[in-house]
Amino acid sequence: MSQGVTDACERCGGTGFLILEREGTSLARVCDCRRRPSAGLPTLLEGARVPGRYAECEFDNFDSYGDHLVSLANAKTVARRYTDEYPLSDRGLLFMGPPGVGKTHLAVAILRRLLLEKSVGCLFFDVQDLLRQLQATFDRQSGMSQLDLLQPVLATELVVLDDLGGRQYSPWVEETLAHIVTTRYNERRATIVTTNYLDVTRDPRTPNLESRIGARVRSRLHEMCQLVPVEAADYRSHVKSADLQRLPDRIGRAKEHA
């Protein structure tokens, strides 16, 4: 639990949360004993290591678009319900889908709301960057140990592991990832994961998730996380295409006013 939770609290019994029943659904609300001194949102996001590119990601600005409205809307619903009910379930979420469909957006939206509304200790990690830093500790001159780098990943209440599988598979990669996910699983700490790799691919030549992270890690992830498929075309390509389609109209209007 985060700092500020005490065993002496009579309202929540030291859990840091009050469980409320609303329209037949159990919701968790933060207890006053858990609340930390208020800090500005930029400070909280920086402390949680959220990259500046994703600092504005919220549920309200997550767009459903194109021919996959149902899949995107369902992923958003699952993510919002997760934040409302946290920490009633010790399972995390595994957002799985192609690049550019909003998986990281939803993961950060969860982190953002839990930071602000429930004072949950959260950290964001790009898996590829984390693995590079861990490998750098092999150099005795680095000044950092693997334990120093791994402790926040292992001990923080909620962690986002972004872009899992982006690093080429090796026994060391599997061993390191297995240590992270197994420790968090055993300690019942929530983990939000995003990956561009699917369990089953249409083209046998396309790598699947197991080929990128190993069978042990994939199996553990399915135990500790609810799978959330996110099926859609690349949002960035969608927006670019829409801009190109509107370009003739903009050029025409510009000529009219020239």
C-alpha atoms as a PDB file:
ATOM      1  CA  MET A   1       0.000   0.000   0.000  1.00  0.00           C
ATOM      2  CA  SER A   2       0.982   3.607  -0.459  1.00  0.00           C
ATOM      3  CA  GLN A   3       2.300   5.834   2.255  1.00  0.00           C
ATOM      4  CA  GLY A   4      -0.327   7.282   4.559  1.00  0.00           C
ATOM      5  CA  VAL A   5      -2.289   4.052   5.157  1.00  0.00           C
ATOM      6  CA  THR A   6      -2.363   3.060   8.817  1.00  0.00           C
ATOM      7  CA  ASP A   7      -3.595  -0.082  10.547  1.00  0.00           C
ATOM      8  CA  ALA A   8      -5.309   2.145  13.145  1.00  0.00           C
ATOM      9  CA  CYS A   9      -7.855   3.598  10.703  1.00  0.00           C
ATOM     10  CA  GLU A  10     -11.314   2.592  11.904  1.00  0.00           C
ATOM     11  CA  ARG A  11     -13.088   3.515   8.668  1.00  0.00           C
ATOM     12  CA  CYS A  12     -11.150   1.293   6.257  1.00  0.00           C
ATOM     13  CA  GLY A  13      -9.414  -1.134   8.613  1.00  0.00           C
ATOM     14  CA  GLY A  14      -6.015  -0.101   7.288  1.00  0.00           C
ATOM     15  CA  THR A  15      -6.715  -1.003   3.650  1.00  0.00           C
ATOM     16  CA  GLY A  16      -6.784   2.615   2.472  1.00  0.00           C
ATOM     17  CA  PHE A  17     -10.087   2.107   0.602  1.00  0.00           C
ATOM     18  CA  LEU A  18     -13.795   2.220   1.387  1.00  0.00           C
ATOM     19  CA  ILE A  19     -15.926  -0.288  -0.519  1.00  0.00           C
ATOM     20  CA  LEU A  20     -19.223   1.183  -1.710  1.00  0.00           C
ATOM     21  CA  GLU A  21     -22.201  -0.516  -3.322  1.00  0.00           C
ATOM     22  CA  ARG A  22     -23.828   1.432  -6.147  1.00  0.00           C
ATOM     23  CA  GLU A  23     -26.550   0.001  -8.384  1.00  0.00           C
ATOM     24  CA  GLY A  24     -25.431  -3.531  -7.624  1.00  0.00           C
ATOM     25  CA  THR A  25     -21.746  -2.803  -8.362  1.00  0.00           C
ATOM     26  CA  SER A  26     -18.928  -2.660  -5.819  1.00  0.00           C
ATOM     27  CA  LEU A  27     -16.705   0.406  -6.133  1.00  0.00           C
ATOM     28  CA  ALA A  28     -13.594   1.362  -4.193  1.00  0.00           C
ATOM     29  CA  ARG A  29     -13.089   4.914  -2.973  1.00  0.00           C
ATOM     30  CA  VAL A  30      -9.939   6.189  -1.326  1.00  0.00           C
ATOM     31  CA  CYS A  31     -10.100   6.664   2.448  1.00  0.00           C
ATOM     32  CA  ASP A  32      -8.955   9.926   4.043  1.00  0.00           C
ATOM     33  CA  CYS A  33      -6.114   8.068   5.781  1.00  0.00           C
ATOM     34  CA  ARG A  34      -4.577   7.283   2.403  1.00  0.00           C
ATOM     35  CA  ARG A  35      -4.702  10.775   0.918  1.00  0.00           C
ATOM     36  CA  ARG A  36      -1.317  12.352   0.349  1.00  0.00           C
ATOM     37  CA  PRO A  37      -0.477  16.065   0.255  1.00  0.00           C
ATOM     38  CA  SER A  38      -1.801  17.475  -3.006  1.00  0.00           C
ATOM     39  CA  ALA A  39       0.700  18.078  -5.802  1.00  0.00           C
ATOM     40  CA  GLY A  40       0.251  19.494  -9.259  1.00  0.00           C
ATOM     41  CA  LEU A  41      -0.616  17.061 -12.015  1.00  0.00           C
ATOM     42  CA  PRO A  42       2.642  17.647 -13.953  1.00  0.00           C
ATOM     43  CA  THR A  43       4.610  16.841 -10.798  1.00  0.00           C
ATOM     44  CA  LEU A  44       2.630  13.644 -10.200  1.00  0.00           C
ATOM     45  CA  LEU A  45       3.040  12.491 -13.804  1.00  0.00           C
ATOM     46  CA  GLU A  46       6.748  13.277 -13.778  1.00  0.00           C
ATOM     47  CA  GLY A  47       7.148  11.330 -10.538  1.00  0.00           C
ATOM     48  CA  ALA A  48       5.329   8.400 -12.164  1.00  0.00           C
ATOM     49  CA  ARG A  49       7.770   8.594 -15.125  1.00  0.00           C
ATOM     50  CA  VAL A  50       5.026   9.184 -17.680  1.00  0.00           C
ATOM     51  CA  PRO A  51       6.670  10.440 -20.921  1.00  0.00           C
ATOM     52  CA  GLY A  52       5.688  13.951 -21.957  1.00  0.00           C
ATOM     53  CA  ARG A  53       4.149  12.603 -25.173  1.00  0.00           C
ATOM     54  CA  TYR A  54       1.458  10.843 -23.115  1.00  0.00           C
ATOM     55  CA  ALA A  55       0.944  13.443 -20.388  1.00  0.00           C
ATOM     56  CA  GLU A  56      -2.450  14.505 -21.788  1.00  0.00           C
ATOM     57  CA  CYS A  57      -3.868  10.989 -22.204  1.00  0.00           C
ATOM     58  CA  GLU A  58      -7.247  10.727 -20.490  1.00  0.00           C
ATOM     59  CA  PHE A  59     -10.402   8.677 -20.958  1.00  0.00           C
ATOM     60  CA  ASP A  60     -12.266  11.764 -22.146  1.00  0.00           C
ATOM     61  CA  ASN A  61      -9.932  12.337 -25.100  1.00  0.00           C
ATOM     62  CA  PHE A  62      -9.674   8.695 -26.167  1.00  0.00           C
ATOM     63  CA  ASP A  63     -11.311   8.546 -29.603  1.00  0.00           C
ATOM     64  CA  SER A  64     -13.216   5.655 -31.135  1.00  0.00           C
ATOM     65  CA  TYR A  65     -12.826   5.892 -34.900  1.00  0.00           C
ATOM     66  CA  GLY A  66     -12.989   4.086 -38.221  1.00  0.00           C
ATOM     67  CA  ASP A  67     -14.497   0.630 -38.632  1.00  0.00           C
ATOM     68  CA  HIS A  68     -13.637  -0.647 -35.147  1.00  0.00           C
ATOM     69  CA  LEU A  69     -15.809   1.475 -32.887  1.00  0.00           C
ATOM     70  CA  VAL A  70     -17.015  -1.501 -30.850  1.00  0.00           C
ATOM     71  CA  SER A  71     -13.527  -2.826 -30.049  1.00  0.00           C
ATOM     72  CA  LEU A  72     -12.199   0.592 -29.049  1.00  0.00           C
ATOM     73  CA  ALA A  73     -15.284   1.459 -27.003  1.00  0.00           C
ATOM     74  CA  ASN A  74     -15.108  -1.894 -25.213  1.00  0.00           C
ATOM     75  CA  ALA A  75     -11.409  -1.411 -24.376  1.00  0.00           C
ATOM     76  CA  LYS A  76     -12.199   2.027 -22.953  1.00  0.00           C
ATOM     77  CA  THR A  77     -15.089   0.635 -20.902  1.00  0.00           C
ATOM     78  CA  VAL A  78     -12.917  -2.122 -19.434  1.00  0.00           C
ATOM     79  CA  ALA A  79     -10.192   0.403 -18.545  1.00  0.00           C
ATOM     80  CA  ARG A  80     -12.626   2.808 -16.851  1.00  0.00           C
ATOM     81  CA  ARG A  81     -14.294   0.010 -14.909  1.00  0.00           C
ATOM     82  CA  TYR A  82     -10.876  -1.153 -13.758  1.00  0.00           C
ATOM     83  CA  THR A  83     -10.096   2.262 -12.240  1.00  0.00           C
ATOM     84  CA  ASP A  84     -13.538   2.505 -10.607  1.00  0.00           C
ATOM     85  CA  GLU A  85     -13.254  -0.918  -8.990  1.00  0.00           C
ATOM     86  CA  TYR A  86      -9.550  -0.799  -8.073  1.00  0.00           C
ATOM     87  CA  PRO A  87      -8.285  -2.480  -5.858  1.00  0.00           C
ATOM     88  CA  LEU A  88     -11.122  -5.027  -5.648  1.00  0.00           C
ATOM     89  CA  SER A  89      -9.318  -7.338  -8.083  1.00  0.00           C
ATOM     90  CA  ASP A  90      -5.633  -8.219  -7.900  1.00  0.00           C
ATOM     91  CA  ARG A  91      -5.525  -8.896 -11.641  1.00  0.00           C
ATOM     92  CA  GLY A  92      -4.146  -6.349 -14.083  1.00  0.00           C
ATOM     93  CA  LEU A  93      -4.948  -5.667 -17.743  1.00  0.00           C
ATOM     94  CA  LEU A  94      -3.142  -6.800 -20.897  1.00  0.00           C
ATOM     95  CA  PHE A  95      -3.894  -4.505 -23.842  1.00  0.00           C
ATOM     96  CA  MET A  96      -3.092  -6.421 -27.006  1.00  0.00           C
ATOM     97  CA  GLY A  97      -3.313  -5.055 -30.550  1.00  0.00           C
ATOM     98  CA  PRO A  98      -1.410  -3.518 -33.469  1.00  0.00           C
ATOM     99  CA  PRO A  99       0.635  -0.312 -33.130  1.00  0.00           C
ATOM    100  CA  GLY A 100      -1.110   3.026 -32.965  1.00  0.00           C
ATOM    101  CA  VAL A 101      -4.551   1.925 -31.717  1.00  0.00           C
ATOM    102  CA  GLY A 102      -4.453   3.638 -28.313  1.00  0.00           C
ATOM    103  CA  LYS A 103      -3.179   0.919 -25.962  1.00  0.00           C
ATOM    104  CA  THR A 104      -0.668   3.205 -24.238  1.00  0.00           C
ATOM    105  CA  HIS A 105      -3.273   5.986 -24.124  1.00  0.00           C
ATOM    106  CA  LEU A 106      -5.623   3.782 -22.095  1.00  0.00           C
ATOM    107  CA  ALA A 107      -2.826   2.503 -19.842  1.00  0.00           C
ATOM    108  CA  VAL A 108      -1.778   6.073 -18.989  1.00  0.00           C
ATOM    109  CA  ALA A 109      -5.411   7.117 -18.495  1.00  0.00           C
ATOM    110  CA  ILE A 110      -5.714   4.391 -15.844  1.00  0.00           C
ATOM    111  CA  LEU A 111      -2.469   5.468 -14.182  1.00  0.00           C
ATOM    112  CA  ARG A 112      -3.513   9.124 -14.269  1.00  0.00           C
ATOM    113  CA  ARG A 113      -6.883   8.547 -12.603  1.00  0.00           C
ATOM    114  CA  LEU A 114      -5.492   6.236  -9.936  1.00  0.00           C
ATOM    115  CA  LEU A 115      -2.807   8.796  -9.103  1.00  0.00           C
ATOM    116  CA  LEU A 116      -5.264  11.670  -8.827  1.00  0.00           C
ATOM    117  CA  GLU A 117      -8.380  10.053  -7.431  1.00  0.00           C
ATOM    118  CA  LYS A 118      -7.084   7.172  -5.320  1.00  0.00           C
ATOM    119  CA  SER A 119      -3.535   8.241  -4.413  1.00  0.00           C
ATOM    120  CA  VAL A 120      -2.161   4.974  -5.767  1.00  0.00           C
ATOM    121  CA  GLY A 121       1.589   4.705  -6.160  1.00  0.00           C
ATOM    122  CA  CYS A 122       2.135   4.250  -9.917  1.00  0.00           C
ATOM    123  CA  LEU A 123       5.094   4.040 -12.291  1.00  0.00           C
ATOM    124  CA  PHE A 124       5.335   3.874 -16.097  1.00  0.00           C
ATOM    125  CA  PHE A 125       8.092   1.819 -17.731  1.00  0.00           C
ATOM    126  CA  ASP A 126       8.921   1.436 -21.390  1.00  0.00           C
ATOM    127  CA  VAL A 127      10.047  -2.198 -21.381  1.00  0.00           C
ATOM    128  CA  GLN A 128      12.717  -1.695 -24.044  1.00  0.00           C
ATOM    129  CA  ASP A 129      14.245   1.224 -22.152  1.00  0.00           C
ATOM    130  CA  LEU A 130      14.133  -0.746 -18.903  1.00  0.00           C
ATOM    131  CA  LEU A 131      15.926  -3.728 -20.466  1.00  0.00           C
ATOM    132  CA  ARG A 132      18.590  -1.431 -21.945  1.00  0.00           C
ATOM    133  CA  GLN A 133      19.211   0.111 -18.537  1.00  0.00           C
ATOM    134  CA  LEU A 134      19.444  -3.299 -16.911  1.00  0.00           C
ATOM    135  CA  GLN A 135      21.967  -4.455 -19.504  1.00  0.00           C
ATOM    136  CA  ALA A 136      24.010  -1.304 -18.878  1.00  0.00           C
ATOM    137  CA  THR A 137      24.546  -2.435 -15.284  1.00  0.00           C
ATOM    138  CA  PHE A 138      26.757  -5.240 -16.629  1.00  0.00           C
ATOM    139  CA  ASP A 139      29.378  -2.505 -17.014  1.00  0.00           C
ATOM    140  CA  ARG A 140      31.024  -2.149 -13.622  1.00  0.00           C
ATOM    141  CA  GLN A 141      31.548   1.539 -14.307  1.00  0.00           C
ATOM    142  CA  SER A 142      27.820   2.233 -14.617  1.00  0.00           C
ATOM    143  CA  GLY A 143      27.379   2.997 -10.925  1.00  0.00           C
ATOM    144  CA  MET A 144      23.972   1.260 -10.831  1.00  0.00           C
ATOM    145  CA  SER A 145      23.033  -2.290  -9.912  1.00  0.00           C
ATOM    146  CA  GLN A 146      20.205  -4.375 -11.321  1.00  0.00           C
ATOM    147  CA  LEU A 147      18.656  -4.382  -7.849  1.00  0.00           C
ATOM    148  CA  ASP A 148      18.599  -0.571  -7.800  1.00  0.00           C
ATOM    149  CA  LEU A 149      16.775  -0.477 -11.136  1.00  0.00           C
ATOM    150  CA  LEU A 150      14.427  -3.377 -10.470  1.00  0.00           C
ATOM    151  CA  GLN A 151      13.255  -2.411  -6.989  1.00  0.00           C
ATOM    152  CA  PRO A 152      10.748   0.238  -8.165  1.00  0.00           C
ATOM    153  CA  VAL A 153       9.459  -2.132 -10.874  1.00  0.00           C
ATOM    154  CA  LEU A 154       8.932  -4.915  -8.362  1.00  0.00           C
ATOM    155  CA  ALA A 155       7.654  -2.940  -5.371  1.00  0.00           C
ATOM    156  CA  THR A 156       5.441  -0.138  -6.739  1.00  0.00           C
ATOM    157  CA  GLU A 157       1.735  -0.703  -6.154  1.00  0.00           C
ATOM    158  CA  LEU A 158       0.731  -0.343  -9.819  1.00  0.00           C
ATOM    159  CA  VAL A 159       3.114  -0.500 -12.760  1.00  0.00           C
ATOM    160  CA  VAL A 160       2.554   0.042 -16.489  1.00  0.00           C
ATOM    161  CA  LEU A 161       4.823  -2.121 -18.673  1.00  0.00           C
ATOM    162  CA  ASP A 162       4.581  -0.532 -22.114  1.00  0.00           C
ATOM    163  CA  ASP A 163       5.501  -2.167 -25.440  1.00  0.00           C
ATOM    164  CA  LEU A 164       6.176  -5.640 -24.113  1.00  0.00           C
ATOM    165  CA  GLY A 165       7.803  -7.856 -26.739  1.00  0.00           C
ATOM    166  CA  GLY A 166       9.481  -5.044 -28.647  1.00  0.00           C
ATOM    167  CA  ARG A 167      12.917  -6.388 -27.716  1.00  0.00           C
ATOM    168  CA  GLN A 168      14.231  -9.382 -29.671  1.00  0.00           C
ATOM    169  CA  TYR A 169      13.850 -12.578 -27.628  1.00  0.00           C
ATOM    170  CA  SER A 170      16.805 -14.030 -25.750  1.00  0.00           C
ATOM    171  CA  PRO A 171      17.072 -16.292 -22.684  1.00  0.00           C
ATOM    172  CA  TRP A 172      18.197 -13.254 -20.655  1.00  0.00           C
ATOM    173  CA  VAL A 173      15.147 -11.249 -21.767  1.00  0.00           C
ATOM    174  CA  GLU A 174      12.819 -14.103 -20.789  1.00  0.00           C
ATOM    175  CA  GLU A 175      14.543 -14.608 -17.434  1.00  0.00           C
ATOM    176  CA  THR A 176      14.391 -10.900 -16.598  1.00  0.00           C
ATOM    177  CA  LEU A 177      10.744 -10.510 -17.605  1.00  0.00           C
ATOM    178  CA  ALA A 178       9.817 -13.707 -15.766  1.00  0.00           C
ATOM    179  CA  HIS A 179      11.388 -12.338 -12.579  1.00  0.00           C
ATOM    180  CA  ILE A 180       9.416  -9.094 -12.874  1.00  0.00           C
ATOM    181  CA  VAL A 181       5.996 -10.538 -13.639  1.00  0.00           C
ATOM    182  CA  THR A 182       6.308 -13.476 -11.218  1.00  0.00           C
ATOM    183  CA  THR A 183       7.360 -11.227  -8.337  1.00  0.00           C
ATOM    184  CA  ARG A 184       4.486  -8.847  -8.970  1.00  0.00           C
ATOM    185  CA  TYR A 185       2.066 -11.762  -9.340  1.00  0.00           C
ATOM    186  CA  ASN A 186       3.194 -13.364  -6.073  1.00  0.00           C
ATOM    187  CA  GLU A 187       2.958 -10.050  -4.211  1.00  0.00           C
ATOM    188  CA  ARG A 188      -0.518  -9.342  -5.696  1.00  0.00           C
ATOM    189  CA  ARG A 189       0.612  -6.051  -7.234  1.00  0.00           C
ATOM    190  CA  ALA A 190      -1.370  -4.715 -10.170  1.00  0.00           C
ATOM    191  CA  THR A 191       0.309  -4.630 -13.577  1.00  0.00           C
ATOM    192  CA  ILE A 192      -0.977  -2.954 -16.742  1.00  0.00           C
ATOM    193  CA  VAL A 193       0.707  -4.274 -19.898  1.00  0.00           C
ATOM    194  CA  THR A 194       0.603  -3.180 -23.546  1.00  0.00           C
ATOM    195  CA  THR A 195       1.918  -5.219 -26.457  1.00  0.00           C
ATOM    196  CA  ASN A 196       1.813  -5.062 -30.256  1.00  0.00           C
ATOM    197  CA  TYR A 197       2.085  -8.852 -30.505  1.00  0.00           C
ATOM    198  CA  LEU A 198      -0.877 -11.238 -30.596  1.00  0.00           C
ATOM    199  CA  ASP A 199      -1.191 -14.722 -29.152  1.00  0.00           C
ATOM    200  CA  VAL A 200      -2.273 -16.101 -32.529  1.00  0.00           C
ATOM    201  CA  THR A 201      -1.312 -14.521 -35.849  1.00  0.00           C
ATOM    202  CA  ARG A 202      -3.006 -14.958 -39.198  1.00  0.00           C
ATOM    203  CA  ASP A 203       0.312 -15.244 -41.000  1.00  0.00           C
ATOM    204  CA  PRO A 204       2.566 -17.983 -39.543  1.00  0.00           C
ATOM    205  CA  ARG A 205       5.579 -15.896 -40.559  1.00  0.00           C
ATOM    206  CA  THR A 206       4.489 -13.101 -38.215  1.00  0.00           C
ATOM    207  CA  PRO A 207       5.979 -13.357 -34.678  1.00  0.00           C
ATOM    208  CA  ASN A 208       3.462 -13.954 -31.902  1.00  0.00           C
ATOM    209  CA  LEU A 209       3.742 -12.819 -28.291  1.00  0.00           C
ATOM    210  CA  GLU A 210       5.186 -16.092 -27.021  1.00  0.00           C
ATOM    211  CA  SER A 211       8.017 -15.949 -29.574  1.00  0.00           C
ATOM    212  CA  ARG A 212       8.985 -12.496 -28.257  1.00  0.00           C
ATOM    213  CA  ILE A 213       8.817 -13.048 -24.490  1.00  0.00           C
ATOM    214  CA  GLY A 214       8.922 -16.817 -23.967  1.00  0.00           C
ATOM    215  CA  ALA A 215       6.288 -19.338 -22.919  1.00  0.00           C
ATOM    216  CA  ARG A 216       6.753 -18.838 -19.157  1.00  0.00           C
ATOM    217  CA  VAL A 217       6.156 -15.094 -19.257  1.00  0.00           C
ATOM    218  CA  ARG A 218       3.207 -15.367 -21.612  1.00  0.00           C
ATOM    219  CA  SER A 219       1.560 -17.996 -19.403  1.00  0.00           C
ATOM    220  CA  ARG A 220       2.069 -15.910 -16.260  1.00  0.00           C
ATOM    221  CA  LEU A 221       0.645 -12.795 -17.932  1.00  0.00           C
ATOM    222  CA  HIS A 222      -2.566 -14.610 -18.784  1.00  0.00           C
ATOM    223  CA  GLU A 223      -2.883 -15.647 -15.135  1.00  0.00           C
ATOM    224  CA  MET A 224      -2.300 -12.168 -13.724  1.00  0.00           C
ATOM    225  CA  CYS A 225      -4.026  -9.982 -16.344  1.00  0.00           C
ATOM    226  CA  GLN A 226      -7.376  -9.727 -18.079  1.00  0.00           C
ATOM    227  CA  LEU A 227      -6.858  -9.732 -21.842  1.00  0.00           C
ATOM    228  CA  VAL A 228      -8.206  -6.609 -23.558  1.00  0.00           C
ATOM    229  CA  PRO A 229      -8.081  -6.881 -27.380  1.00  0.00           C
ATOM    230  CA  VAL A 230      -7.771  -3.520 -29.135  1.00  0.00           C
ATOM    231  CA  GLU A 231      -8.575  -3.954 -32.823  1.00  0.00           C
ATOM    232  CA  ALA A 232      -8.362  -0.943 -35.102  1.00  0.00           C
ATOM    233  CA  ALA A 233      -6.327   0.695 -37.828  1.00  0.00           C
ATOM    234  CA  ASP A 234      -3.345   2.823 -36.823  1.00  0.00           C
ATOM    235  CA  TYR A 235      -4.831   6.038 -35.396  1.00  0.00           C
ATOM    236  CA  ARG A 236      -1.924   8.123 -36.638  1.00  0.00           C
ATOM    237  CA  SER A 237      -2.437   6.830 -40.189  1.00  0.00           C
ATOM    238  CA  HIS A 238      -6.190   7.402 -39.812  1.00  0.00           C
ATOM    239  CA  VAL A 239      -5.682  11.039 -38.811  1.00  0.00           C
ATOM    240  CA  LYS A 240      -3.080  11.591 -41.537  1.00  0.00           C
ATOM    241  CA  SER A 241      -5.422  10.114 -44.140  1.00  0.00           C
ATOM    242  CA  ALA A 242      -8.270  12.325 -42.937  1.00  0.00           C
ATOM    243  CA  ASP A 243      -6.031  15.387 -43.122  1.00  0.00           C
ATOM    244  CA  LEU A 244      -5.011  14.526 -46.693  1.00  0.00           C
ATOM    245  CA  GLN A 245      -8.658  14.110 -47.691  1.00  0.00           C
ATOM    246  CA  ARG A 246      -9.466  17.536 -46.275  1.00  0.00           C
ATOM    247  CA  LEU A 247      -6.420  19.150 -47.889  1.00  0.00           C
ATOM    248  CA  PRO A 248      -8.123  20.015 -51.250  1.00  0.00           C
ATOM    249  CA  ASP A 249     -10.916  21.782 -49.354  1.00  0.00           C
ATOM    250  CA  ARG A 250      -8.428  23.780 -47.335  1.00  0.00           C
ATOM    251  CA  ILE A 251      -6.502  24.713 -50.474  1.00  0.00           C
ATOM    252  CA  GLY A 252      -9.715  25.753 -52.179  1.00  0.00           C
ATOM    253  CA  ARG A 253     -10.771  27.954 -49.277  1.00  0.00           C
ATOM    254  CA  ALA A 254      -7.298  29.487 -49.140  1.00  0.00           C
ATOM    255  CA  LYS A 255      -7.529  30.408 -52.862  1.00  0.00           C
ATOM    256  CA  GLU A 256     -10.949  31.954 -52.338  1.00  0.00           C
ATOM    257  CA  HIS A 257      -9.538  34.241 -49.682  1.00  0.00           C
ATOM    258  CA  ALA A 258      -6.295  34.997 -51.507  1.00  0.00           C
END
